Protein backbone atom coordinates (compact mmCIF):
# COMPACT_ATOMS: atom_id res chain seq x y z
CA MET A 1 -129.18 -111.92 53.93
CA ARG A 2 -130.83 -115.07 52.54
CA HIS A 3 -130.69 -113.64 48.99
CA ALA A 4 -126.94 -112.99 49.34
CA ARG A 5 -126.32 -116.51 50.69
CA ASP A 6 -128.29 -118.00 47.80
CA GLY A 7 -126.20 -115.93 45.37
CA ALA A 8 -123.01 -117.05 47.11
CA ALA A 9 -123.99 -120.72 46.93
CA ALA A 10 -124.92 -120.36 43.24
CA ALA A 11 -121.57 -118.68 42.49
CA MET A 12 -119.67 -121.43 44.29
CA SER A 13 -121.59 -124.11 42.40
CA ALA A 14 -120.93 -122.40 39.05
CA ALA A 15 -117.19 -122.10 39.78
CA SER A 16 -117.05 -125.78 40.69
CA ARG A 17 -118.80 -126.77 37.42
CA ILE A 18 -116.34 -124.65 35.40
CA LEU A 19 -113.36 -126.33 37.04
CA VAL A 20 -114.80 -129.79 36.36
CA ALA A 21 -115.49 -128.85 32.73
CA ARG A 22 -111.86 -127.78 32.36
CA GLY A 23 -110.71 -131.10 33.82
CA LYS A 24 -109.45 -129.51 37.02
CA ASN A 25 -110.32 -129.85 40.68
CA GLU A 26 -110.85 -127.14 43.23
CA PRO A 27 -107.64 -126.29 45.11
CA GLN A 28 -107.39 -127.92 48.54
CA GLU A 29 -109.08 -125.54 50.94
CA MET A 30 -107.44 -125.05 54.32
CA GLU A 31 -106.66 -122.55 57.04
CA ASN A 32 -103.52 -120.48 56.48
CA PRO A 33 -102.57 -117.99 59.22
CA ASP A 34 -100.44 -116.02 56.73
CA VAL A 35 -103.51 -115.09 54.66
CA ALA A 36 -105.50 -112.06 55.85
CA TRP A 37 -108.87 -111.38 54.17
CA GLY A 38 -110.62 -108.02 54.18
CA GLN A 39 -114.38 -107.83 54.53
CA ARG A 40 -115.06 -106.49 51.05
CA ALA A 41 -113.72 -107.19 47.54
CA ARG A 42 -112.05 -103.77 47.52
CA ASP A 43 -110.29 -104.64 50.83
CA GLY A 44 -109.02 -107.81 49.15
CA VAL A 45 -106.54 -110.19 50.70
CA TRP A 46 -102.94 -110.08 51.92
CA VAL A 47 -100.99 -113.20 50.92
CA PRO A 48 -97.41 -114.37 51.39
CA THR A 49 -95.00 -114.63 48.47
CA ARG A 50 -92.34 -117.30 48.02
CA ASP A 51 -89.61 -114.91 49.13
CA GLY A 52 -91.32 -114.12 52.44
CA GLN A 53 -92.89 -110.82 51.39
CA ARG A 54 -96.62 -110.05 51.42
CA ILE A 55 -98.72 -108.73 48.54
CA HIS A 56 -102.19 -107.22 48.54
CA LEU A 57 -104.81 -108.26 45.98
CA GLY A 58 -108.02 -106.25 45.84
CA ILE A 59 -110.74 -105.64 43.29
CA ASP A 60 -111.85 -102.13 42.36
CA VAL A 61 -115.51 -103.01 42.03
CA ALA A 62 -117.89 -101.17 39.74
CA ALA A 63 -121.02 -102.16 41.64
CA ALA A 64 -121.85 -101.93 45.33
CA ASP A 65 -118.94 -103.12 47.47
CA THR A 66 -120.85 -105.58 49.64
CA VAL A 67 -119.47 -107.61 52.50
CA ALA A 68 -118.25 -111.10 51.56
CA GLN A 69 -120.45 -114.07 52.38
CA VAL A 70 -118.25 -116.38 54.47
CA LEU A 71 -119.49 -119.91 53.75
CA ARG A 72 -116.70 -121.60 55.70
CA PRO A 73 -113.74 -120.08 57.56
CA SER A 74 -111.56 -120.46 54.47
CA LEU A 75 -114.21 -119.95 51.75
CA ARG A 76 -115.93 -116.70 50.86
CA VAL A 77 -118.00 -115.31 47.99
CA PHE A 78 -118.14 -111.68 46.90
CA VAL A 79 -121.58 -111.42 45.26
CA GLY A 80 -122.30 -108.79 42.60
CA VAL A 81 -118.84 -107.25 42.22
CA ASP A 82 -119.84 -106.32 38.68
CA VAL A 83 -122.75 -106.98 36.33
CA ASP A 84 -123.40 -110.74 36.42
CA THR A 85 -120.08 -111.30 38.23
CA ASP A 86 -119.40 -112.98 41.56
CA ILE A 87 -115.99 -113.93 42.96
CA VAL A 88 -115.43 -117.18 44.85
CA ALA A 89 -112.24 -117.05 46.93
CA GLN A 90 -110.68 -119.56 49.25
CA THR A 91 -107.64 -119.89 51.45
CA THR A 92 -105.19 -122.60 50.42
CA ALA A 93 -101.91 -123.89 51.82
CA ALA A 94 -100.01 -121.74 49.29
CA GLY A 95 -102.12 -118.59 49.80
CA CYS A 96 -105.46 -118.14 48.08
CA ALA A 97 -107.39 -119.11 44.96
CA CYS A 98 -110.13 -117.10 43.24
CA SER A 99 -112.62 -117.83 40.49
CA ARG A 100 -115.24 -115.63 38.90
């Protein structure tokens, strides 16, 4: 468990550095009751659309489909979804934001 948390923290730090290098900030993280996260990358997330519908976004992972590391209620990291690839995902007011 500690190894996965370390990987999650490293992925979050890397995503933050990439955003800063691109001159952008992380989206404002917040609770959104309309966003429903699955436990694994393959389960994905259900998010609202502007017209009131809901869409499902999931990742068909090549590696082991491990359970997301939930760092905060609205921030999670899917570690090792592919070779040298982690996904950092967070709930925002508009839905969700992801970075790999």
